[in-house]
Amino acid sequence: MAIVHIVLFQFKPQVQQTAVQDVCRRMLALKDQCMHPTTNKPYLKTSVGGKDNSPEGIQHGITHGFVVEFESIEDRDYVTEDPVHQGFLKSIGDVVEKAQVIDFTPDVY
């Protein structure tokens, strides 16, 4: 059963645009860099994201969003201990003001 993982970032005000772009590129690159420990193959099924362009004005400081899909709950759960993912998280602490994450299984209410 697929799991959809939504990640939202608010960057610190003083952060240069090049640093924001670097974080975004590296976030999207996780799809090809995170390897499953038993298959040694990428386990992030899909990954897309970019800069907010909503006209609604209710972003509350969030400027960038990403949607990642995992094949299973087990794959989603493994990402929390994946060394590549952990390294990414540690590297963004100086530039990300706030991160929000929500996961859901499609069509489960």
N, C-alpha and C. Protein backbone atom coordinates (compact mmCIF):
# COMPACT_ATOMS: atom_id res chain seq x y z
N MET A 1 0.84 -1.18 0.00
CA MET A 1 0.00 0.00 0.00
C MET A 1 0.89 1.25 0.00
N ALA A 2 0.70 2.11 -0.96
CA ALA A 2 1.53 3.31 -1.11
C ALA A 2 1.32 4.28 0.04
N ILE A 3 2.38 5.02 0.35
CA ILE A 3 2.34 6.07 1.36
C ILE A 3 2.81 7.37 0.69
N VAL A 4 2.03 8.42 0.83
CA VAL A 4 2.40 9.74 0.31
C VAL A 4 2.96 10.55 1.48
N HIS A 5 4.13 11.14 1.25
CA HIS A 5 4.89 11.86 2.28
C HIS A 5 5.04 13.29 1.79
N ILE A 6 4.43 14.24 2.51
CA ILE A 6 4.49 15.64 2.10
C ILE A 6 5.41 16.39 3.06
N VAL A 7 6.38 17.11 2.49
CA VAL A 7 7.35 17.87 3.28
C VAL A 7 7.25 19.33 2.87
N LEU A 8 7.12 20.21 3.87
CA LEU A 8 7.01 21.64 3.62
C LEU A 8 8.12 22.37 4.37
N PHE A 9 8.76 23.34 3.71
CA PHE A 9 9.85 24.09 4.31
C PHE A 9 9.54 25.58 4.36
N GLN A 10 9.95 26.18 5.46
CA GLN A 10 10.05 27.64 5.57
C GLN A 10 11.53 27.90 5.82
N PHE A 11 12.14 28.70 4.97
CA PHE A 11 13.56 28.99 5.11
C PHE A 11 13.77 30.23 5.98
N LYS A 12 14.90 30.29 6.65
CA LYS A 12 15.24 31.44 7.48
C LYS A 12 15.36 32.67 6.59
N PRO A 13 14.94 33.84 7.09
CA PRO A 13 14.90 35.04 6.24
C PRO A 13 16.24 35.45 5.66
N GLN A 14 17.32 35.25 6.38
CA GLN A 14 18.64 35.72 5.91
C GLN A 14 19.31 34.77 4.92
N VAL A 15 18.69 33.65 4.64
CA VAL A 15 19.31 32.63 3.77
C VAL A 15 19.32 33.10 2.32
N GLN A 16 20.49 32.95 1.69
CA GLN A 16 20.64 33.32 0.28
C GLN A 16 19.86 32.36 -0.61
N GLN A 17 19.39 32.86 -1.74
CA GLN A 17 18.62 32.06 -2.69
C GLN A 17 19.41 30.84 -3.18
N THR A 18 20.71 30.99 -3.32
CA THR A 18 21.52 29.85 -3.77
C THR A 18 21.49 28.70 -2.75
N ALA A 19 21.43 29.04 -1.48
CA ALA A 19 21.35 28.01 -0.43
C ALA A 19 19.99 27.32 -0.46
N VAL A 20 18.93 28.09 -0.70
CA VAL A 20 17.58 27.52 -0.82
C VAL A 20 17.54 26.56 -2.00
N GLN A 21 18.07 26.98 -3.13
CA GLN A 21 18.08 26.13 -4.32
C GLN A 21 18.89 24.87 -4.08
N ASP A 22 19.99 24.98 -3.35
CA ASP A 22 20.81 23.81 -3.03
C ASP A 22 20.03 22.80 -2.19
N VAL A 23 19.33 23.28 -1.17
CA VAL A 23 18.53 22.39 -0.33
C VAL A 23 17.46 21.70 -1.18
N CYS A 24 16.80 22.44 -2.05
CA CYS A 24 15.75 21.87 -2.89
C CYS A 24 16.31 20.80 -3.83
N ARG A 25 17.43 21.09 -4.44
CA ARG A 25 18.05 20.10 -5.35
C ARG A 25 18.43 18.83 -4.59
N ARG A 26 19.01 19.02 -3.40
CA ARG A 26 19.42 17.87 -2.60
C ARG A 26 18.23 17.08 -2.06
N MET A 27 17.13 17.78 -1.74
CA MET A 27 15.91 17.10 -1.31
C MET A 27 15.40 16.19 -2.42
N LEU A 28 15.36 16.70 -3.63
CA LEU A 28 14.89 15.90 -4.76
C LEU A 28 15.87 14.78 -5.12
N ALA A 29 17.14 14.99 -4.88
CA ALA A 29 18.15 13.97 -5.19
C ALA A 29 18.08 12.77 -4.25
N LEU A 30 17.41 12.92 -3.11
CA LEU A 30 17.29 11.79 -2.19
C LEU A 30 16.64 10.59 -2.86
N LYS A 31 15.77 10.83 -3.83
CA LYS A 31 15.10 9.73 -4.53
C LYS A 31 16.10 8.74 -5.12
N ASP A 32 17.20 9.24 -5.63
CA ASP A 32 18.20 8.37 -6.25
C ASP A 32 19.33 8.00 -5.30
N GLN A 33 19.43 8.67 -4.18
CA GLN A 33 20.54 8.43 -3.25
C GLN A 33 20.18 7.52 -2.09
N CYS A 34 18.92 7.50 -1.69
CA CYS A 34 18.50 6.65 -0.57
C CYS A 34 18.30 5.22 -1.06
N MET A 35 19.10 4.31 -0.54
CA MET A 35 19.06 2.92 -0.97
C MET A 35 18.48 2.03 0.13
N HIS A 36 17.64 1.09 -0.29
CA HIS A 36 17.07 0.14 0.65
C HIS A 36 18.18 -0.78 1.16
N PRO A 37 18.22 -1.06 2.46
CA PRO A 37 19.33 -1.83 3.02
C PRO A 37 19.40 -3.28 2.56
N THR A 38 18.29 -3.87 2.15
CA THR A 38 18.34 -5.27 1.71
C THR A 38 18.43 -5.41 0.20
N THR A 39 17.77 -4.52 -0.56
CA THR A 39 17.82 -4.63 -2.02
C THR A 39 18.93 -3.80 -2.63
N ASN A 40 19.43 -2.83 -1.86
CA ASN A 40 20.45 -1.89 -2.35
C ASN A 40 19.98 -1.13 -3.59
N LYS A 41 18.66 -0.88 -3.64
CA LYS A 41 18.05 -0.11 -4.73
C LYS A 41 17.29 1.07 -4.13
N PRO A 42 17.11 2.14 -4.92
CA PRO A 42 16.33 3.27 -4.41
C PRO A 42 14.92 2.82 -4.00
N TYR A 43 14.43 3.35 -2.89
CA TYR A 43 13.11 2.94 -2.40
C TYR A 43 12.11 4.09 -2.34
N LEU A 44 12.52 5.30 -2.72
CA LEU A 44 11.57 6.39 -2.86
C LEU A 44 10.99 6.25 -4.27
N LYS A 45 9.71 5.97 -4.33
CA LYS A 45 9.06 5.66 -5.60
C LYS A 45 9.00 6.88 -6.53
N THR A 46 8.57 8.01 -5.99
CA THR A 46 8.53 9.26 -6.75
C THR A 46 8.90 10.42 -5.83
N SER A 47 9.35 11.50 -6.42
CA SER A 47 9.69 12.69 -5.65
C SER A 47 9.56 13.91 -6.56
N VAL A 48 8.72 14.86 -6.15
CA VAL A 48 8.56 16.11 -6.88
C VAL A 48 8.49 17.24 -5.86
N GLY A 49 8.76 18.44 -6.32
CA GLY A 49 8.65 19.56 -5.40
C GLY A 49 9.06 20.85 -6.06
N GLY A 50 8.87 21.94 -5.32
CA GLY A 50 9.26 23.24 -5.85
C GLY A 50 8.79 24.37 -4.96
N LYS A 51 8.93 25.57 -5.50
CA LYS A 51 8.60 26.81 -4.79
C LYS A 51 7.09 27.08 -4.87
N ASP A 52 6.55 27.52 -3.76
CA ASP A 52 5.12 27.85 -3.70
C ASP A 52 4.76 28.94 -4.70
N ASN A 53 3.61 28.79 -5.33
CA ASN A 53 3.10 29.85 -6.19
C ASN A 53 1.58 30.02 -6.02
N SER A 54 1.08 29.63 -4.85
CA SER A 54 -0.36 29.72 -4.59
C SER A 54 -0.79 31.18 -4.40
N PRO A 55 -1.90 31.57 -5.02
CA PRO A 55 -2.41 32.93 -4.84
C PRO A 55 -3.28 33.08 -3.59
N GLU A 56 -3.48 32.01 -2.83
CA GLU A 56 -4.43 32.05 -1.71
C GLU A 56 -3.93 32.84 -0.50
N GLY A 57 -2.61 32.92 -0.33
CA GLY A 57 -2.06 33.72 0.76
C GLY A 57 -2.19 33.09 2.13
N ILE A 58 -2.30 31.79 2.22
CA ILE A 58 -2.42 31.13 3.52
C ILE A 58 -1.27 30.14 3.76
N GLN A 59 -0.10 30.50 3.27
CA GLN A 59 1.07 29.63 3.38
C GLN A 59 1.71 29.69 4.76
N HIS A 60 1.46 30.74 5.52
CA HIS A 60 2.01 30.89 6.88
C HIS A 60 3.52 30.72 6.92
N GLY A 61 4.20 31.30 5.94
CA GLY A 61 5.65 31.27 5.90
C GLY A 61 6.26 30.13 5.11
N ILE A 62 5.48 29.11 4.80
CA ILE A 62 5.98 27.97 4.02
C ILE A 62 6.21 28.45 2.59
N THR A 63 7.41 28.16 2.07
CA THR A 63 7.74 28.64 0.73
C THR A 63 8.00 27.51 -0.28
N HIS A 64 8.26 26.29 0.22
CA HIS A 64 8.60 25.19 -0.68
C HIS A 64 7.92 23.91 -0.21
N GLY A 65 7.46 23.11 -1.17
CA GLY A 65 6.80 21.86 -0.84
C GLY A 65 7.31 20.72 -1.69
N PHE A 66 7.27 19.52 -1.10
CA PHE A 66 7.75 18.31 -1.77
C PHE A 66 6.79 17.17 -1.49
N VAL A 67 6.57 16.33 -2.49
CA VAL A 67 5.73 15.16 -2.33
C VAL A 67 6.55 13.95 -2.74
N VAL A 68 6.70 13.03 -1.80
CA VAL A 68 7.46 11.80 -2.01
C VAL A 68 6.50 10.63 -1.84
N GLU A 69 6.62 9.64 -2.67
CA GLU A 69 5.79 8.45 -2.53
C GLU A 69 6.66 7.24 -2.22
N PHE A 70 6.22 6.50 -1.23
CA PHE A 70 6.87 5.24 -0.85
C PHE A 70 5.95 4.09 -1.25
N GLU A 71 6.53 2.96 -1.57
CA GLU A 71 5.77 1.78 -1.95
C GLU A 71 5.04 1.18 -0.75
N SER A 72 5.63 1.32 0.44
CA SER A 72 5.06 0.66 1.61
C SER A 72 5.33 1.45 2.89
N ILE A 73 4.62 1.11 3.94
CA ILE A 73 4.85 1.71 5.25
C ILE A 73 6.26 1.41 5.73
N GLU A 74 6.73 0.20 5.45
CA GLU A 74 8.08 -0.20 5.88
C GLU A 74 9.14 0.68 5.23
N ASP A 75 8.98 0.98 3.94
CA ASP A 75 9.92 1.87 3.27
C ASP A 75 9.87 3.27 3.87
N ARG A 76 8.67 3.78 4.13
CA ARG A 76 8.51 5.09 4.74
C ARG A 76 9.17 5.12 6.12
N ASP A 77 8.97 4.06 6.88
CA ASP A 77 9.55 4.02 8.22
C ASP A 77 11.07 3.94 8.17
N TYR A 78 11.61 3.25 7.17
CA TYR A 78 13.07 3.13 7.08
C TYR A 78 13.73 4.48 6.82
N VAL A 79 13.06 5.38 6.11
CA VAL A 79 13.69 6.66 5.77
C VAL A 79 14.13 7.41 7.03
N THR A 80 13.45 7.19 8.15
CA THR A 80 13.82 7.90 9.37
C THR A 80 15.17 7.46 9.91
N GLU A 81 15.65 6.30 9.51
CA GLU A 81 16.97 5.83 9.95
C GLU A 81 17.99 5.74 8.82
N ASP A 82 17.57 6.01 7.60
CA ASP A 82 18.48 5.97 6.46
C ASP A 82 19.62 6.97 6.67
N PRO A 83 20.87 6.52 6.59
CA PRO A 83 22.00 7.43 6.83
C PRO A 83 22.07 8.60 5.85
N VAL A 84 21.67 8.38 4.60
CA VAL A 84 21.68 9.47 3.62
C VAL A 84 20.64 10.53 4.01
N HIS A 85 19.47 10.08 4.37
CA HIS A 85 18.41 10.99 4.80
C HIS A 85 18.81 11.72 6.08
N GLN A 86 19.38 11.01 7.02
CA GLN A 86 19.84 11.64 8.27
C GLN A 86 20.89 12.71 8.00
N GLY A 87 21.81 12.43 7.08
CA GLY A 87 22.82 13.42 6.71
C GLY A 87 22.20 14.66 6.10
N PHE A 88 21.20 14.46 5.25
CA PHE A 88 20.49 15.59 4.66
C PHE A 88 19.84 16.44 5.74
N LEU A 89 19.13 15.80 6.67
CA LEU A 89 18.45 16.54 7.74
C LEU A 89 19.43 17.36 8.56
N LYS A 90 20.57 16.78 8.88
CA LYS A 90 21.57 17.51 9.67
C LYS A 90 22.13 18.70 8.90
N SER A 91 22.18 18.57 7.58
CA SER A 91 22.79 19.63 6.77
C SER A 91 21.89 20.84 6.55
N ILE A 92 20.61 20.74 6.82
CA ILE A 92 19.70 21.85 6.51
C ILE A 92 19.33 22.69 7.74
N GLY A 93 19.84 22.32 8.89
CA GLY A 93 19.47 23.02 10.13
C GLY A 93 19.79 24.49 10.15
N ASP A 94 20.82 24.91 9.44
CA ASP A 94 21.20 26.32 9.44
C ASP A 94 20.36 27.17 8.49
N VAL A 95 19.61 26.55 7.60
CA VAL A 95 18.87 27.32 6.60
C VAL A 95 17.35 27.16 6.70
N VAL A 96 16.89 26.08 7.29
CA VAL A 96 15.45 25.84 7.40
C VAL A 96 14.94 26.35 8.75
N GLU A 97 13.98 27.25 8.68
CA GLU A 97 13.34 27.79 9.89
C GLU A 97 12.34 26.80 10.46
N LYS A 98 11.52 26.23 9.56
CA LYS A 98 10.47 25.32 9.99
C LYS A 98 10.25 24.28 8.91
N ALA A 99 10.03 23.04 9.34
CA ALA A 99 9.66 21.96 8.43
C ALA A 99 8.40 21.31 8.96
N GLN A 100 7.51 20.97 8.06
CA GLN A 100 6.30 20.25 8.42
C GLN A 100 6.23 19.01 7.54
N VAL A 101 5.76 17.91 8.14
CA VAL A 101 5.64 16.66 7.40
C VAL A 101 4.28 16.06 7.71
N ILE A 102 3.64 15.54 6.68
CA ILE A 102 2.42 14.77 6.86
C ILE A 102 2.49 13.60 5.89
N ASP A 103 2.07 12.45 6.38
CA ASP A 103 2.02 11.23 5.54
C ASP A 103 0.57 10.74 5.51
N PHE A 104 0.20 10.15 4.38
CA PHE A 104 -1.11 9.53 4.32
C PHE A 104 -1.12 8.40 3.31
N THR A 105 -2.08 7.53 3.49
CA THR A 105 -2.34 6.45 2.55
C THR A 105 -3.50 6.93 1.68
N PRO A 106 -3.32 6.99 0.36
CA PRO A 106 -4.41 7.46 -0.51
C PRO A 106 -5.71 6.69 -0.29
N ASP A 107 -6.78 7.43 -0.27
CA ASP A 107 -8.14 6.89 -0.17
C ASP A 107 -8.44 6.22 1.16
N VAL A 108 -7.66 6.49 2.21
CA VAL A 108 -7.98 6.01 3.55
C VAL A 108 -8.40 7.22 4.37
N TYR A 109 -9.64 7.21 4.84
CA TYR A 109 -10.20 8.38 5.52
C TYR A 109 -10.45 8.10 6.98
